[in-house]
């Protein structure tokens, strides 16, 4: 299984109910493609439990890493573009992280 290394990690608490985690993801896919991307994850907390998580990441890097024909055709030109906009977050992927309380 591929492991994702989170580099340059930063936690930013917000209003006591929300925490933002920002890091640079560094991993290799099963197909051998390297991916280095900046991600921001928003965690919502209720009564000390994680109830939801939403991840935001660069859509161009995601397309180059996981995209099919489009990414292969544009890989060379897009790599230059990715370097110029690597800190822009735009793709929203609802990670569906939930925590459930055990009934007492």
N, C-alpha and C. Protein backbone atom coordinates (compact mmCIF):
# COMPACT_ATOMS: atom_id res chain seq x y z
N UNK A 1 0.84 -1.19 0.00
CA UNK A 1 0.00 0.00 0.00
C UNK A 1 0.88 1.25 0.00
N UNK A 2 0.51 2.22 -0.78
CA UNK A 2 1.24 3.47 -0.86
C UNK A 2 0.97 4.32 0.37
N UNK A 3 2.02 4.88 0.93
CA UNK A 3 1.86 5.77 2.07
C UNK A 3 2.02 7.21 1.62
N UNK A 4 1.17 8.07 2.17
CA UNK A 4 1.26 9.49 1.89
C UNK A 4 2.07 10.13 3.00
N UNK A 5 3.08 10.87 2.62
CA UNK A 5 3.87 11.61 3.60
C UNK A 5 3.35 13.05 3.62
N UNK A 6 2.98 13.52 4.79
CA UNK A 6 2.56 14.91 4.94
C UNK A 6 3.76 15.72 5.41
N UNK A 7 4.22 16.63 4.56
CA UNK A 7 5.36 17.47 4.88
C UNK A 7 4.88 18.89 5.15
N UNK A 8 5.66 19.66 5.87
CA UNK A 8 5.32 21.07 6.17
C UNK A 8 3.92 21.19 6.77
N UNK A 9 3.65 20.41 7.80
CA UNK A 9 2.31 20.39 8.40
C UNK A 9 2.03 21.63 9.24
N UNK A 10 0.80 22.14 9.11
CA UNK A 10 0.36 23.28 9.91
C UNK A 10 -1.07 23.05 10.36
N UNK A 11 -1.33 23.22 11.64
CA UNK A 11 -2.69 23.15 12.19
C UNK A 11 -3.11 24.56 12.58
N UNK A 12 -4.31 24.97 12.18
CA UNK A 12 -4.82 26.28 12.52
C UNK A 12 -6.20 26.13 13.14
N UNK A 13 -6.29 26.28 14.46
CA UNK A 13 -7.62 26.22 15.09
C UNK A 13 -8.42 27.46 14.71
N UNK A 14 -9.72 27.31 14.65
CA UNK A 14 -10.57 28.43 14.24
C UNK A 14 -11.44 28.86 15.42
N UNK A 15 -12.69 28.48 15.41
CA UNK A 15 -13.65 28.93 16.42
C UNK A 15 -13.88 27.92 17.54
N UNK A 16 -13.03 26.93 17.66
CA UNK A 16 -13.22 25.88 18.67
C UNK A 16 -14.02 24.70 18.14
N UNK A 17 -14.68 24.90 17.01
CA UNK A 17 -15.45 23.81 16.39
C UNK A 17 -14.85 23.39 15.05
N UNK A 18 -13.85 24.15 14.60
CA UNK A 18 -13.24 23.90 13.29
C UNK A 18 -11.72 24.00 13.41
N UNK A 19 -11.02 23.05 12.77
CA UNK A 19 -9.56 23.08 12.71
C UNK A 19 -9.17 22.87 11.25
N UNK A 20 -8.19 23.65 10.78
CA UNK A 20 -7.68 23.49 9.43
C UNK A 20 -6.30 22.86 9.50
N UNK A 21 -6.09 21.84 8.66
CA UNK A 21 -4.80 21.15 8.56
C UNK A 21 -4.28 21.40 7.15
N UNK A 22 -3.08 21.96 7.04
CA UNK A 22 -2.47 22.21 5.73
C UNK A 22 -1.14 21.47 5.67
N UNK A 23 -0.89 20.82 4.56
CA UNK A 23 0.35 20.07 4.41
C UNK A 23 0.65 19.85 2.93
N UNK A 24 1.88 19.50 2.67
CA UNK A 24 2.28 19.09 1.32
C UNK A 24 2.23 17.57 1.29
N UNK A 25 1.40 17.02 0.41
CA UNK A 25 1.30 15.57 0.23
C UNK A 25 2.44 15.13 -0.68
N UNK A 26 3.03 14.01 -0.36
CA UNK A 26 4.10 13.48 -1.19
C UNK A 26 3.94 11.96 -1.23
N UNK A 27 3.56 11.44 -2.39
CA UNK A 27 3.37 10.00 -2.52
C UNK A 27 3.52 9.56 -3.97
N UNK A 28 3.52 8.26 -4.15
CA UNK A 28 3.61 7.69 -5.48
C UNK A 28 2.41 6.76 -5.67
N UNK A 29 1.73 6.88 -6.82
CA UNK A 29 0.57 6.05 -7.10
C UNK A 29 1.01 4.62 -7.43
N UNK A 30 0.06 3.71 -7.48
CA UNK A 30 0.37 2.33 -7.85
C UNK A 30 0.92 2.23 -9.27
N UNK A 31 0.56 3.21 -10.11
CA UNK A 31 1.04 3.23 -11.49
C UNK A 31 2.44 3.84 -11.60
N UNK A 32 2.98 4.31 -10.45
CA UNK A 32 4.33 4.86 -10.45
C UNK A 32 4.42 6.36 -10.65
N UNK A 33 3.27 7.03 -10.72
CA UNK A 33 3.25 8.49 -10.90
C UNK A 33 3.50 9.16 -9.56
N UNK A 34 4.45 10.09 -9.53
CA UNK A 34 4.71 10.85 -8.30
C UNK A 34 3.71 11.98 -8.18
N UNK A 35 3.32 12.26 -6.95
CA UNK A 35 2.40 13.37 -6.70
C UNK A 35 2.91 14.17 -5.51
N UNK A 36 3.04 15.46 -5.71
CA UNK A 36 3.42 16.38 -4.64
C UNK A 36 2.43 17.54 -4.76
N UNK A 37 1.57 17.67 -3.76
CA UNK A 37 0.46 18.60 -3.83
C UNK A 37 0.21 19.24 -2.47
N UNK A 38 -0.22 20.48 -2.46
CA UNK A 38 -0.61 21.12 -1.21
C UNK A 38 -2.08 20.87 -0.97
N UNK A 39 -2.41 20.35 0.21
CA UNK A 39 -3.80 20.08 0.57
C UNK A 39 -4.16 20.86 1.82
N UNK A 40 -5.42 21.25 1.89
CA UNK A 40 -5.98 21.86 3.09
C UNK A 40 -7.19 21.01 3.47
N UNK A 41 -7.22 20.56 4.72
CA UNK A 41 -8.35 19.75 5.19
C UNK A 41 -9.02 20.50 6.33
N UNK A 42 -10.31 20.68 6.22
CA UNK A 42 -11.10 21.32 7.28
C UNK A 42 -11.76 20.21 8.08
N UNK A 43 -11.55 20.23 9.39
CA UNK A 43 -12.18 19.26 10.29
C UNK A 43 -13.20 19.99 11.15
N UNK A 44 -14.41 19.44 11.23
CA UNK A 44 -15.44 19.97 12.12
C UNK A 44 -15.53 19.07 13.34
N UNK A 45 -15.57 19.69 14.50
CA UNK A 45 -15.54 18.96 15.77
C UNK A 45 -16.78 19.31 16.58
N UNK A 46 -17.41 18.27 17.15
CA UNK A 46 -18.57 18.44 18.02
C UNK A 46 -18.36 17.62 19.27
N UNK A 47 -18.47 18.24 20.42
CA UNK A 47 -18.30 17.54 21.71
C UNK A 47 -17.00 16.75 21.75
N UNK A 48 -15.94 17.31 21.19
CA UNK A 48 -14.64 16.66 21.22
C UNK A 48 -14.46 15.55 20.20
N UNK A 49 -15.44 15.32 19.33
CA UNK A 49 -15.36 14.26 18.33
C UNK A 49 -15.28 14.86 16.92
N UNK A 50 -14.51 14.22 16.08
CA UNK A 50 -14.44 14.61 14.67
C UNK A 50 -15.73 14.16 14.00
N UNK A 51 -16.50 15.12 13.45
CA UNK A 51 -17.78 14.76 12.84
C UNK A 51 -17.77 14.90 11.32
N UNK A 52 -16.81 15.66 10.79
CA UNK A 52 -16.76 15.82 9.33
C UNK A 52 -15.40 16.33 8.90
N UNK A 53 -14.96 15.94 7.72
CA UNK A 53 -13.72 16.45 7.15
C UNK A 53 -13.91 16.73 5.67
N UNK A 54 -13.38 17.85 5.21
CA UNK A 54 -13.46 18.21 3.79
C UNK A 54 -12.06 18.57 3.32
N UNK A 55 -11.63 17.98 2.22
CA UNK A 55 -10.28 18.20 1.70
C UNK A 55 -10.33 19.08 0.46
N UNK A 56 -9.41 20.04 0.39
CA UNK A 56 -9.27 20.92 -0.76
C UNK A 56 -7.86 20.74 -1.31
N UNK A 57 -7.73 20.61 -2.63
CA UNK A 57 -6.39 20.46 -3.21
C UNK A 57 -6.36 21.07 -4.60
N UNK A 58 -5.17 21.16 -5.15
CA UNK A 58 -4.96 21.77 -6.46
C UNK A 58 -5.52 20.86 -7.55
N UNK A 59 -6.50 21.32 -8.34
CA UNK A 59 -7.11 20.47 -9.35
C UNK A 59 -6.18 20.14 -10.51
N UNK A 60 -5.24 21.02 -10.82
CA UNK A 60 -4.32 20.75 -11.92
C UNK A 60 -3.39 19.60 -11.55
N UNK A 61 -2.85 19.63 -10.34
CA UNK A 61 -1.98 18.54 -9.89
C UNK A 61 -2.75 17.23 -9.83
N UNK A 62 -3.98 17.27 -9.35
CA UNK A 62 -4.80 16.06 -9.28
C UNK A 62 -5.06 15.51 -10.68
N UNK A 63 -5.35 16.38 -11.64
CA UNK A 63 -5.60 15.93 -13.02
C UNK A 63 -4.35 15.30 -13.62
N UNK A 64 -3.19 15.90 -13.36
CA UNK A 64 -1.94 15.34 -13.90
C UNK A 64 -1.62 13.99 -13.27
N UNK A 65 -1.96 13.83 -12.01
CA UNK A 65 -1.65 12.59 -11.31
C UNK A 65 -2.65 11.49 -11.65
N UNK A 66 -3.94 11.81 -11.62
CA UNK A 66 -4.97 10.77 -11.75
C UNK A 66 -5.75 10.82 -13.06
N UNK A 67 -5.58 11.90 -13.83
CA UNK A 67 -6.34 12.07 -15.07
C UNK A 67 -5.89 11.11 -16.15
N UNK A 68 -6.76 10.86 -17.08
CA UNK A 68 -6.46 9.93 -18.16
C UNK A 68 -5.85 10.61 -19.36
N UNK A 69 -6.53 10.51 -20.51
CA UNK A 69 -6.04 11.04 -21.78
C UNK A 69 -5.70 12.52 -21.73
N UNK A 70 -6.59 13.30 -21.11
CA UNK A 70 -6.37 14.75 -21.04
C UNK A 70 -5.02 15.06 -20.41
N UNK A 71 -4.71 14.42 -19.30
CA UNK A 71 -3.47 14.70 -18.59
C UNK A 71 -2.25 14.25 -19.39
N UNK A 72 -2.34 13.11 -20.03
CA UNK A 72 -1.19 12.62 -20.80
C UNK A 72 -0.84 13.56 -21.94
N UNK A 73 -1.87 14.07 -22.62
CA UNK A 73 -1.63 14.97 -23.75
C UNK A 73 -1.04 16.30 -23.31
N UNK A 74 -1.41 16.74 -22.14
CA UNK A 74 -1.02 18.08 -21.70
C UNK A 74 0.04 18.07 -20.60
N UNK A 75 0.60 16.93 -20.29
CA UNK A 75 1.52 16.81 -19.16
C UNK A 75 2.69 17.79 -19.22
N UNK A 76 3.36 17.88 -20.35
CA UNK A 76 4.53 18.77 -20.43
C UNK A 76 4.16 20.23 -20.23
N UNK A 77 3.16 20.67 -20.97
CA UNK A 77 2.74 22.07 -20.87
C UNK A 77 2.14 22.36 -19.48
N UNK A 78 1.37 21.42 -18.95
CA UNK A 78 0.70 21.63 -17.67
C UNK A 78 1.68 21.63 -16.50
N UNK A 79 2.77 20.87 -16.59
CA UNK A 79 3.74 20.86 -15.49
C UNK A 79 4.27 22.26 -15.24
N UNK A 80 4.52 23.01 -16.30
CA UNK A 80 4.99 24.40 -16.12
C UNK A 80 3.91 25.23 -15.44
N UNK A 81 2.66 25.00 -15.84
CA UNK A 81 1.55 25.74 -15.25
C UNK A 81 1.39 25.38 -13.77
N UNK A 82 1.54 24.10 -13.44
CA UNK A 82 1.42 23.65 -12.05
C UNK A 82 2.45 24.34 -11.19
N UNK A 83 3.67 24.45 -11.68
CA UNK A 83 4.71 25.11 -10.90
C UNK A 83 4.33 26.54 -10.59
N UNK A 84 3.66 27.21 -11.49
CA UNK A 84 3.28 28.60 -11.29
C UNK A 84 2.09 28.79 -10.37
N UNK A 85 1.21 27.77 -10.27
CA UNK A 85 0.01 27.94 -9.45
C UNK A 85 -0.13 26.86 -8.39
N UNK A 86 0.97 26.27 -7.96
CA UNK A 86 0.89 25.11 -7.06
C UNK A 86 0.25 25.41 -5.72
N UNK A 87 0.13 26.65 -5.32
CA UNK A 87 -0.46 26.95 -4.04
C UNK A 87 -1.94 27.31 -4.11
N UNK A 88 -2.52 27.22 -5.29
CA UNK A 88 -3.95 27.53 -5.43
C UNK A 88 -4.75 26.28 -5.10
N UNK A 89 -5.68 26.40 -4.16
CA UNK A 89 -6.56 25.28 -3.83
C UNK A 89 -7.91 25.53 -4.49
N UNK A 90 -8.43 24.52 -5.18
CA UNK A 90 -9.70 24.73 -5.85
C UNK A 90 -10.59 23.52 -5.89
N UNK A 91 -10.02 22.34 -5.94
CA UNK A 91 -10.83 21.13 -6.06
C UNK A 91 -11.36 20.74 -4.69
N UNK A 92 -12.64 20.59 -4.57
CA UNK A 92 -13.23 20.22 -3.30
C UNK A 92 -13.63 18.76 -3.40
N UNK A 93 -13.07 17.97 -2.50
CA UNK A 93 -13.49 16.58 -2.47
C UNK A 93 -13.95 16.27 -1.07
N UNK A 94 -15.20 15.93 -0.93
CA UNK A 94 -15.76 15.65 0.37
C UNK A 94 -15.26 14.28 0.79
N UNK A 95 -14.40 14.27 1.80
CA UNK A 95 -13.77 13.01 2.19
C UNK A 95 -14.70 12.13 3.01
N UNK A 96 -15.81 12.68 3.49
CA UNK A 96 -16.80 11.87 4.19
C UNK A 96 -16.33 11.31 5.52
N UNK A 97 -15.37 11.95 6.16
CA UNK A 97 -14.88 11.47 7.45
C UNK A 97 -15.95 11.73 8.49
N UNK A 98 -16.32 10.71 9.22
CA UNK A 98 -17.33 10.89 10.26
C UNK A 98 -16.92 10.14 11.52
N UNK A 99 -17.40 10.62 12.64
CA UNK A 99 -17.18 9.92 13.91
C UNK A 99 -18.56 9.73 14.52
N UNK A 100 -18.82 8.58 15.05
CA UNK A 100 -20.13 8.32 15.64
C UNK A 100 -19.96 8.00 17.13
N UNK A 101 -20.91 8.48 17.89
CA UNK A 101 -20.89 8.20 19.33
C UNK A 101 -21.45 6.80 19.58
N UNK A 102 -20.86 6.15 20.54
CA UNK A 102 -21.38 4.85 20.96
C UNK A 102 -22.49 5.09 21.97
N UNK A 103 -23.65 4.49 21.79
CA UNK A 103 -24.73 4.68 22.78
C UNK A 103 -24.29 4.22 24.16
N UNK A 104 -24.71 4.98 25.19
CA UNK A 104 -24.35 4.62 26.57
C UNK A 104 -25.27 3.57 27.12
